[in-house]
Amino acid sequence: MPFEVIGKKSQFAVIGLGTFGTNVALSLIENGVEVIAVDKEKENIEKLKEKPIVVYALDATKEDALKEIGIEQVDCAIVCMGVDMIASILVTLLLKKFKIPKILARANTEEHAEILRLIGVTEVIEPEVETAKKLVKRLVTSFGYLLSFEQISKEHAIVEIRVTKKIADRTLAEVDFRKRFKINVIAIKRLVERLDSDFRAINEYEINEVPDPNTPLNEDDILVIIGKIENINRLHNYLLGTQ
């Protein structure tokens, strides 16, 4: 029997209830959305039987089974069957056939991810890659003068680095970031004193998004930089005095 559409809440389908899929389903419930969960293993279904969620024990690679539960009514489907690549691909193709507006699918390998992209999923989920990125981001910002790190491709990142005595009082042109480190300074954040609405002196950062190459750098300015990660590391090591 298909699930009922209640009110105007978004409906999500989570297909595959291993550890990852179960956590996705529970997080969706916590955020107040309606969820149906699908898995062919009854023991996986049992983990959610006490939760406010509609669960189905069925083989999601079968078109008739998905049609019977009204899968076409959901706004978003999340395929969490990363380990079984063939099943994941078959389910994703069926969801595309049902014209689900938004489809996210988990991939455990780069080959799997590439196939899912070719199929045309809305987003490929790579938990191991995302976990590694978060770990690296936390680690690199816990040392030295690197304040933030946002990886934007396999080789590139946007970072915030604090100016140190090593380059303070020199201009951007004198340091010559482009030639020396092959990176671009796209903004400078500088601490300035202002008066708040109660006329109290407060310090806050002012952003110069078009920095003049002849502007002297102050110690504790923050440089917003874009470039290859290896070149950003070269600059960071230089500021630390290890290069």
C-alpha atoms as a PDB file:
ATOM      1  CA  MET A   1       0.000   0.000   0.000  1.00  0.00           C
ATOM      2  CA  PRO A   2       1.473   3.408  -0.926  1.00  0.00           C
ATOM      3  CA  PHE A   3       2.235   5.886   1.819  1.00  0.00           C
ATOM      4  CA  GLU A   4      -0.029   8.916   2.199  1.00  0.00           C
ATOM      5  CA  VAL A   5       1.057  12.459   1.427  1.00  0.00           C
ATOM      6  CA  ILE A   6       0.279  14.464   4.559  1.00  0.00           C
ATOM      7  CA  GLY A   7       0.098  18.255   4.505  1.00  0.00           C
ATOM      8  CA  LYS A   8       2.776  20.175   2.661  1.00  0.00           C
ATOM      9  CA  LYS A   9       5.906  18.779   4.284  1.00  0.00           C
ATOM     10  CA  SER A  10       8.640  17.521   2.004  1.00  0.00           C
ATOM     11  CA  GLN A  11       8.660  13.757   1.566  1.00  0.00           C
ATOM     12  CA  PHE A  12      11.967  11.900   1.493  1.00  0.00           C
ATOM     13  CA  ALA A  13      12.717   8.301   0.612  1.00  0.00           C
ATOM     14  CA  VAL A  14      15.804   6.616   2.045  1.00  0.00           C
ATOM     15  CA  ILE A  15      16.723   3.452   0.189  1.00  0.00           C
ATOM     16  CA  GLY A  16      19.214   1.166   1.900  1.00  0.00           C
ATOM     17  CA  LEU A  17      19.292   1.022   5.687  1.00  0.00           C
ATOM     18  CA  GLY A  18      22.837   0.166   6.592  1.00  0.00           C
ATOM     19  CA  THR A  19      24.579   2.350   9.166  1.00  0.00           C
ATOM     20  CA  PHE A  20      24.765   5.318   6.791  1.00  0.00           C
ATOM     21  CA  GLY A  21      21.183   5.050   5.528  1.00  0.00           C
ATOM     22  CA  THR A  22      19.761   4.596   9.015  1.00  0.00           C
ATOM     23  CA  ASN A  23      21.554   7.702  10.259  1.00  0.00           C
ATOM     24  CA  VAL A  24      20.318   9.689   7.254  1.00  0.00           C
ATOM     25  CA  ALA A  25      16.732   8.594   7.947  1.00  0.00           C
ATOM     26  CA  LEU A  26      16.963   9.457  11.651  1.00  0.00           C
ATOM     27  CA  SER A  27      18.484  12.869  10.911  1.00  0.00           C
ATOM     28  CA  LEU A  28      15.687  13.644   8.463  1.00  0.00           C
ATOM     29  CA  ILE A  29      13.093  12.735  11.098  1.00  0.00           C
ATOM     30  CA  GLU A  30      14.825  15.031  13.599  1.00  0.00           C
ATOM     31  CA  ASN A  31      14.479  17.848  11.068  1.00  0.00           C
ATOM     32  CA  GLY A  32      10.729  17.393  10.872  1.00  0.00           C
ATOM     33  CA  VAL A  33      10.306  15.937   7.400  1.00  0.00           C
ATOM     34  CA  GLU A  34       8.278  12.903   6.361  1.00  0.00           C
ATOM     35  CA  VAL A  35      10.371   9.865   5.570  1.00  0.00           C
ATOM     36  CA  ILE A  36       9.804   6.466   4.053  1.00  0.00           C
ATOM     37  CA  ALA A  37      12.593   3.930   4.359  1.00  0.00           C
ATOM     38  CA  VAL A  38      13.217   0.919   2.151  1.00  0.00           C
ATOM     39  CA  ASP A  39      15.454  -2.113   2.621  1.00  0.00           C
ATOM     40  CA  LYS A  40      15.148  -5.742   1.602  1.00  0.00           C
ATOM     41  CA  GLU A  41      16.652  -6.978   4.879  1.00  0.00           C
ATOM     42  CA  LYS A  42      14.044  -7.229   7.638  1.00  0.00           C
ATOM     43  CA  GLU A  43      16.651  -6.867  10.394  1.00  0.00           C
ATOM     44  CA  ASN A  44      17.507  -3.414   9.046  1.00  0.00           C
ATOM     45  CA  ILE A  45      13.829  -2.474   9.047  1.00  0.00           C
ATOM     46  CA  GLU A  46      13.543  -3.555  12.690  1.00  0.00           C
ATOM     47  CA  LYS A  47      15.963  -0.810  13.748  1.00  0.00           C
ATOM     48  CA  LEU A  48      13.412   1.839  12.770  1.00  0.00           C
ATOM     49  CA  LYS A  49      10.138   0.211  13.747  1.00  0.00           C
ATOM     50  CA  GLU A  50       9.758   2.383  16.876  1.00  0.00           C
ATOM     51  CA  LYS A  51      10.418   5.610  14.962  1.00  0.00           C
ATOM     52  CA  PRO A  52       7.836   7.904  13.289  1.00  0.00           C
ATOM     53  CA  ILE A  53       8.711   6.604   9.854  1.00  0.00           C
ATOM     54  CA  VAL A  54       7.051   4.440   7.200  1.00  0.00           C
ATOM     55  CA  VAL A  55       9.253   1.423   6.462  1.00  0.00           C
ATOM     56  CA  TYR A  56       9.028  -1.164   3.696  1.00  0.00           C
ATOM     57  CA  ALA A  57      10.842  -4.477   3.421  1.00  0.00           C
ATOM     58  CA  LEU A  58      11.244  -4.906  -0.329  1.00  0.00           C
ATOM     59  CA  ASP A  59      13.760  -5.184  -3.142  1.00  0.00           C
ATOM     60  CA  ALA A  60      14.184  -1.628  -4.440  1.00  0.00           C
ATOM     61  CA  THR A  61      15.686  -2.889  -7.709  1.00  0.00           C
ATOM     62  CA  LYS A  62      12.190  -4.093  -8.695  1.00  0.00           C
ATOM     63  CA  GLU A  63      10.169  -1.430 -10.501  1.00  0.00           C
ATOM     64  CA  ASP A  64       6.784  -2.907  -9.523  1.00  0.00           C
ATOM     65  CA  ALA A  65       7.738  -2.920  -5.833  1.00  0.00           C
ATOM     66  CA  LEU A  66       8.647   0.776  -5.896  1.00  0.00           C
ATOM     67  CA  LYS A  67       5.529   1.637  -7.857  1.00  0.00           C
ATOM     68  CA  GLU A  68       3.349  -0.210  -5.357  1.00  0.00           C
ATOM     69  CA  ILE A  69       4.539   1.949  -2.447  1.00  0.00           C
ATOM     70  CA  GLY A  70       4.026   5.178  -4.402  1.00  0.00           C
ATOM     71  CA  ILE A  71       7.675   6.149  -4.667  1.00  0.00           C
ATOM     72  CA  GLU A  72       6.803   8.696  -7.373  1.00  0.00           C
ATOM     73  CA  GLN A  73       5.195  10.898  -4.701  1.00  0.00           C
ATOM     74  CA  VAL A  74       8.427  11.743  -2.884  1.00  0.00           C
ATOM     75  CA  ASP A  75      10.244  15.031  -3.379  1.00  0.00           C
ATOM     76  CA  CYS A  76      13.687  13.582  -2.809  1.00  0.00           C
ATOM     77  CA  ALA A  77      15.167  10.086  -2.817  1.00  0.00           C
ATOM     78  CA  ILE A  78      18.473   9.196  -1.189  1.00  0.00           C
ATOM     79  CA  VAL A  79      20.104   5.983  -2.380  1.00  0.00           C
ATOM     80  CA  CYS A  80      22.355   4.757   0.420  1.00  0.00           C
ATOM     81  CA  MET A  81      23.341   1.391  -1.085  1.00  0.00           C
ATOM     82  CA  GLY A  82      26.954   2.332  -1.669  1.00  0.00           C
ATOM     83  CA  VAL A  83      28.516  -1.112  -1.206  1.00  0.00           C
ATOM     84  CA  ASP A  84      26.377  -2.892  -3.825  1.00  0.00           C
ATOM     85  CA  MET A  85      27.229  -0.781  -6.859  1.00  0.00           C
ATOM     86  CA  ILE A  86      25.015  -2.686  -9.320  1.00  0.00           C
ATOM     87  CA  ALA A  87      21.955  -2.432  -7.060  1.00  0.00           C
ATOM     88  CA  SER A  88      22.663   1.250  -6.444  1.00  0.00           C
ATOM     89  CA  ILE A  89      22.805   1.971 -10.176  1.00  0.00           C
ATOM     90  CA  LEU A  90      19.625  -0.019 -10.905  1.00  0.00           C
ATOM     91  CA  VAL A  91      17.690   1.765  -8.158  1.00  0.00           C
ATOM     92  CA  THR A  92      18.941   5.155  -9.332  1.00  0.00           C
ATOM     93  CA  LEU A  93      17.850   4.422 -12.913  1.00  0.00           C
ATOM     94  CA  LEU A  94      14.388   3.456 -11.674  1.00  0.00           C
ATOM     95  CA  LEU A  95      14.102   6.651  -9.639  1.00  0.00           C
ATOM     96  CA  LYS A  96      15.017   8.647 -12.739  1.00  0.00           C
ATOM     97  CA  LYS A  97      12.297   6.754 -14.610  1.00  0.00           C
ATOM     98  CA  PHE A  98       9.800   7.719 -11.891  1.00  0.00           C
ATOM     99  CA  LYS A  99      10.899  11.363 -12.385  1.00  0.00           C
ATOM    100  CA  ILE A 100      11.798  11.962  -8.744  1.00  0.00           C
ATOM    101  CA  PRO A 101      12.668  15.708  -8.577  1.00  0.00           C
ATOM    102  CA  LYS A 102      15.832  15.268  -6.538  1.00  0.00           C
ATOM    103  CA  ILE A 103      17.999  12.147  -6.313  1.00  0.00           C
ATOM    104  CA  LEU A 104      21.080  11.800  -4.132  1.00  0.00           C
ATOM    105  CA  ALA A 105      23.138   8.619  -4.306  1.00  0.00           C
ATOM    106  CA  ARG A 106      26.023   7.283  -2.265  1.00  0.00           C
ATOM    107  CA  ALA A 107      29.211   6.124  -3.986  1.00  0.00           C
ATOM    108  CA  ASN A 108      32.086   4.192  -2.444  1.00  0.00           C
ATOM    109  CA  THR A 109      34.477   4.433  -5.390  1.00  0.00           C
ATOM    110  CA  GLU A 110      35.371   7.050  -7.991  1.00  0.00           C
ATOM    111  CA  GLU A 111      34.117   4.706 -10.733  1.00  0.00           C
ATOM    112  CA  HIS A 112      30.756   4.384  -8.981  1.00  0.00           C
ATOM    113  CA  ALA A 113      30.566   8.158  -8.524  1.00  0.00           C
ATOM    114  CA  GLU A 114      31.305   8.775 -12.210  1.00  0.00           C
ATOM    115  CA  ILE A 115      28.547   6.374 -13.326  1.00  0.00           C
ATOM    116  CA  LEU A 116      26.040   8.076 -11.024  1.00  0.00           C
ATOM    117  CA  ARG A 117      26.986  11.462 -12.466  1.00  0.00           C
ATOM    118  CA  LEU A 118      26.510  10.130 -15.999  1.00  0.00           C
ATOM    119  CA  ILE A 119      23.057   8.858 -15.017  1.00  0.00           C
ATOM    120  CA  GLY A 120      22.258  12.392 -13.905  1.00  0.00           C
ATOM    121  CA  VAL A 121      21.753  12.277 -10.141  1.00  0.00           C
ATOM    122  CA  THR A 122      21.314  15.597  -8.382  1.00  0.00           C
ATOM    123  CA  GLU A 123      24.244  14.929  -6.082  1.00  0.00           C
ATOM    124  CA  VAL A 124      26.743  12.149  -5.467  1.00  0.00           C
ATOM    125  CA  ILE A 125      27.401  11.471  -1.785  1.00  0.00           C
ATOM    126  CA  GLU A 126      30.918  10.292  -0.946  1.00  0.00           C
ATOM    127  CA  PRO A 127      30.958   9.908   2.866  1.00  0.00           C
ATOM    128  CA  GLU A 128      34.576   8.795   3.106  1.00  0.00           C
ATOM    129  CA  VAL A 129      35.769  11.714   0.964  1.00  0.00           C
ATOM    130  CA  GLU A 130      33.672  14.230   2.918  1.00  0.00           C
ATOM    131  CA  THR A 131      34.887  12.835   6.244  1.00  0.00           C
ATOM    132  CA  ALA A 132      38.497  13.083   5.087  1.00  0.00           C
ATOM    133  CA  LYS A 133      37.996  16.695   3.948  1.00  0.00           C
ATOM    134  CA  LYS A 134      36.474  17.672   7.298  1.00  0.00           C
ATOM    135  CA  LEU A 135      39.321  15.974   9.158  1.00  0.00           C
ATOM    136  CA  VAL A 136      41.971  17.728   7.073  1.00  0.00           C
ATOM    137  CA  LYS A 137      40.197  21.067   7.469  1.00  0.00           C
ATOM    138  CA  ARG A 138      40.102  20.660  11.254  1.00  0.00           C
ATOM    139  CA  LEU A 139      43.730  19.567  11.436  1.00  0.00           C
ATOM    140  CA  VAL A 140      45.250  22.230   9.211  1.00  0.00           C
ATOM    141  CA  THR A 141      43.410  25.060  10.949  1.00  0.00           C
ATOM    142  CA  SER A 142      44.614  23.884  14.367  1.00  0.00           C
ATOM    143  CA  PHE A 143      48.246  24.678  13.579  1.00  0.00           C
ATOM    144  CA  GLY A 144      50.132  27.872  12.804  1.00  0.00           C
ATOM    145  CA  TYR A 145      48.564  30.853  11.073  1.00  0.00           C
ATOM    146  CA  LEU A 146      45.991  29.113   8.869  1.00  0.00           C
ATOM    147  CA  LEU A 147      42.581  30.249  10.146  1.00  0.00           C
ATOM    148  CA  SER A 148      40.195  28.665   7.655  1.00  0.00           C
ATOM    149  CA  PHE A 149      40.449  26.174   4.824  1.00  0.00           C
ATOM    150  CA  GLU A 150      37.823  25.512   2.149  1.00  0.00           C
ATOM    151  CA  GLN A 151      38.782  22.997  -0.528  1.00  0.00           C
ATOM    152  CA  ILE A 152      37.105  23.879  -3.842  1.00  0.00           C
ATOM    153  CA  SER A 153      38.664  21.176  -6.043  1.00  0.00           C
ATOM    154  CA  LYS A 154      41.110  18.311  -5.731  1.00  0.00           C
ATOM    155  CA  GLU A 155      44.038  20.719  -6.017  1.00  0.00           C
ATOM    156  CA  HIS A 156      42.694  24.150  -5.022  1.00  0.00           C
ATOM    157  CA  ALA A 157      41.449  25.857  -1.874  1.00  0.00           C
ATOM    158  CA  ILE A 158      40.412  29.221  -0.488  1.00  0.00           C
ATOM    159  CA  VAL A 159      42.046  29.958   2.860  1.00  0.00           C
ATOM    160  CA  GLU A 160      42.452  32.690   5.441  1.00  0.00           C
ATOM    161  CA  ILE A 161      45.992  33.239   6.730  1.00  0.00           C
ATOM    162  CA  ARG A 162      47.067  35.649   9.445  1.00  0.00           C
ATOM    163  CA  VAL A 163      49.861  38.102   8.593  1.00  0.00           C
ATOM    164  CA  THR A 164      52.969  37.557  10.726  1.00  0.00           C
ATOM    165  CA  LYS A 165      56.028  39.657  11.537  1.00  0.00           C
ATOM    166  CA  LYS A 166      57.766  37.996   8.618  1.00  0.00           C
ATOM    167  CA  ILE A 167      55.705  39.946   6.075  1.00  0.00           C
ATOM    168  CA  ALA A 168      54.196  42.749   8.204  1.00  0.00           C
ATOM    169  CA  ASP A 169      54.955  46.328   7.058  1.00  0.00           C
ATOM    170  CA  ARG A 170      55.642  45.065   3.540  1.00  0.00           C
ATOM    171  CA  THR A 171      53.222  45.601   0.666  1.00  0.00           C
ATOM    172  CA  LEU A 172      51.533  42.925  -1.414  1.00  0.00           C
ATOM    173  CA  ALA A 173      53.768  43.956  -4.289  1.00  0.00           C
ATOM    174  CA  GLU A 174      56.908  43.584  -2.176  1.00  0.00           C
ATOM    175  CA  VAL A 175      55.956  40.123  -0.938  1.00  0.00           C
ATOM    176  CA  ASP A 176      54.891  39.264  -4.512  1.00  0.00           C
ATOM    177  CA  PHE A 177      52.585  36.375  -3.641  1.00  0.00           C
ATOM    178  CA  ARG A 178      51.814  35.608  -7.288  1.00  0.00           C
ATOM    179  CA  LYS A 179      55.399  35.246  -8.450  1.00  0.00           C
ATOM    180  CA  ARG A 180      56.903  33.798  -5.287  1.00  0.00           C
ATOM    181  CA  PHE A 181      54.135  31.423  -4.196  1.00  0.00           C
ATOM    182  CA  LYS A 182      51.874  31.276  -7.285  1.00  0.00           C
ATOM    183  CA  ILE A 183      48.784  32.226  -5.265  1.00  0.00           C
ATOM    184  CA  ASN A 184      46.362  35.166  -5.364  1.00  0.00           C
ATOM    185  CA  VAL A 185      45.355  37.419  -2.473  1.00  0.00           C
ATOM    186  CA  ILE A 186      41.689  38.170  -3.174  1.00  0.00           C
ATOM    187  CA  ALA A 187      40.889  40.185  -0.026  1.00  0.00           C
ATOM    188  CA  ILE A 188      42.391  41.610   3.160  1.00  0.00           C
ATOM    189  CA  LYS A 189      40.550  41.632   6.484  1.00  0.00           C
ATOM    190  CA  ARG A 190      41.823  44.336   8.836  1.00  0.00           C
ATOM    191  CA  LEU A 191      40.851  44.939  12.453  1.00  0.00           C
ATOM    192  CA  VAL A 192      39.504  48.470  12.929  1.00  0.00           C
ATOM    193  CA  GLU A 193      38.001  50.294  15.887  1.00  0.00           C
ATOM    194  CA  ARG A 194      34.428  51.540  15.574  1.00  0.00           C
ATOM    195  CA  LEU A 195      31.724  52.951  17.820  1.00  0.00           C
ATOM    196  CA  ASP A 196      28.644  50.819  18.338  1.00  0.00           C
ATOM    197  CA  SER A 197      25.093  52.177  18.720  1.00  0.00           C
ATOM    198  CA  ASP A 198      25.834  52.952  22.395  1.00  0.00           C
ATOM    199  CA  PHE A 199      29.007  54.837  21.402  1.00  0.00           C
ATOM    200  CA  ARG A 200      31.244  52.170  22.868  1.00  0.00           C
ATOM    201  CA  ALA A 201      34.520  51.377  21.126  1.00  0.00           C
ATOM    202  CA  ILE A 202      34.502  47.937  19.506  1.00  0.00           C
ATOM    203  CA  ASN A 203      36.945  46.129  17.241  1.00  0.00           C
ATOM    204  CA  GLU A 204      35.742  44.421  14.086  1.00  0.00           C
ATOM    205  CA  TYR A 205      37.186  43.302  10.790  1.00  0.00           C
ATOM    206  CA  GLU A 206      36.840  45.493   7.714  1.00  0.00           C
ATOM    207  CA  ILE A 207      37.136  43.671   4.400  1.00  0.00           C
ATOM    208  CA  ASN A 208      39.021  45.152   1.466  1.00  0.00           C
ATOM    209  CA  GLU A 209      37.909  42.999  -1.462  1.00  0.00           C
ATOM    210  CA  VAL A 210      40.074  44.898  -3.987  1.00  0.00           C
ATOM    211  CA  PRO A 211      43.401  45.252  -2.164  1.00  0.00           C
ATOM    212  CA  ASP A 212      45.882  47.775  -3.534  1.00  0.00           C
ATOM    213  CA  PRO A 213      49.248  46.088  -4.279  1.00  0.00           C
ATOM    214  CA  ASN A 214      50.969  49.024  -2.559  1.00  0.00           C
ATOM    215  CA  THR A 215      49.037  48.728   0.707  1.00  0.00           C
ATOM    216  CA  PRO A 216      51.356  47.886   3.643  1.00  0.00           C
ATOM    217  CA  LEU A 217      50.305  44.792   5.569  1.00  0.00           C
ATOM    218  CA  ASN A 218      49.644  45.049   9.298  1.00  0.00           C
ATOM    219  CA  GLU A 219      50.551  42.289  11.689  1.00  0.00           C
ATOM    220  CA  ASP A 220      47.343  40.356  12.425  1.00  0.00           C
ATOM    221  CA  ASP A 221      45.729  41.336   9.112  1.00  0.00           C
ATOM    222  CA  ILE A 222      44.004  38.318   7.602  1.00  0.00           C
ATOM    223  CA  LEU A 223      44.689  37.474   3.965  1.00  0.00           C
ATOM    224  CA  VAL A 224      42.021  35.669   1.946  1.00  0.00           C
ATOM    225  CA  ILE A 225      43.922  33.574  -0.576  1.00  0.00           C
ATOM    226  CA  ILE A 226      43.047  31.272  -3.462  1.00  0.00           C
ATOM    227  CA  GLY A 227      45.484  28.863  -5.047  1.00  0.00           C
ATOM    228  CA  LYS A 228      46.789  25.336  -5.295  1.00  0.00           C
ATOM    229  CA  ILE A 229      46.954  23.604  -1.929  1.00  0.00           C
ATOM    230  CA  GLU A 230      50.642  22.768  -2.371  1.00  0.00           C
ATOM    231  CA  ASN A 231      51.442  26.462  -2.954  1.00  0.00           C
ATOM    232  CA  ILE A 232      49.327  27.566   0.009  1.00  0.00           C
ATOM    233  CA  ASN A 233      51.307  25.102   2.135  1.00  0.00           C
ATOM    234  CA  ARG A 234      54.544  26.665   0.865  1.00  0.00           C
ATOM    235  CA  LEU A 235      53.373  30.095   2.054  1.00  0.00           C
ATOM    236  CA  HIS A 236      52.246  28.703   5.407  1.00  0.00           C
ATOM    237  CA  ASN A 237      55.577  26.964   5.949  1.00  0.00           C
ATOM    238  CA  TYR A 238      57.357  30.202   5.046  1.00  0.00           C
ATOM    239  CA  LEU A 239      55.352  32.098   7.676  1.00  0.00           C
ATOM    240  CA  LEU A 240      56.133  29.379  10.220  1.00  0.00           C
ATOM    241  CA  GLY A 241      59.826  29.683   9.395  1.00  0.00           C
ATOM    242  CA  THR A 242      60.116  26.074   8.238  1.00  0.00           C
ATOM    243  CA  GLN A 243      60.941  27.000   4.655  1.00  0.00           C
END
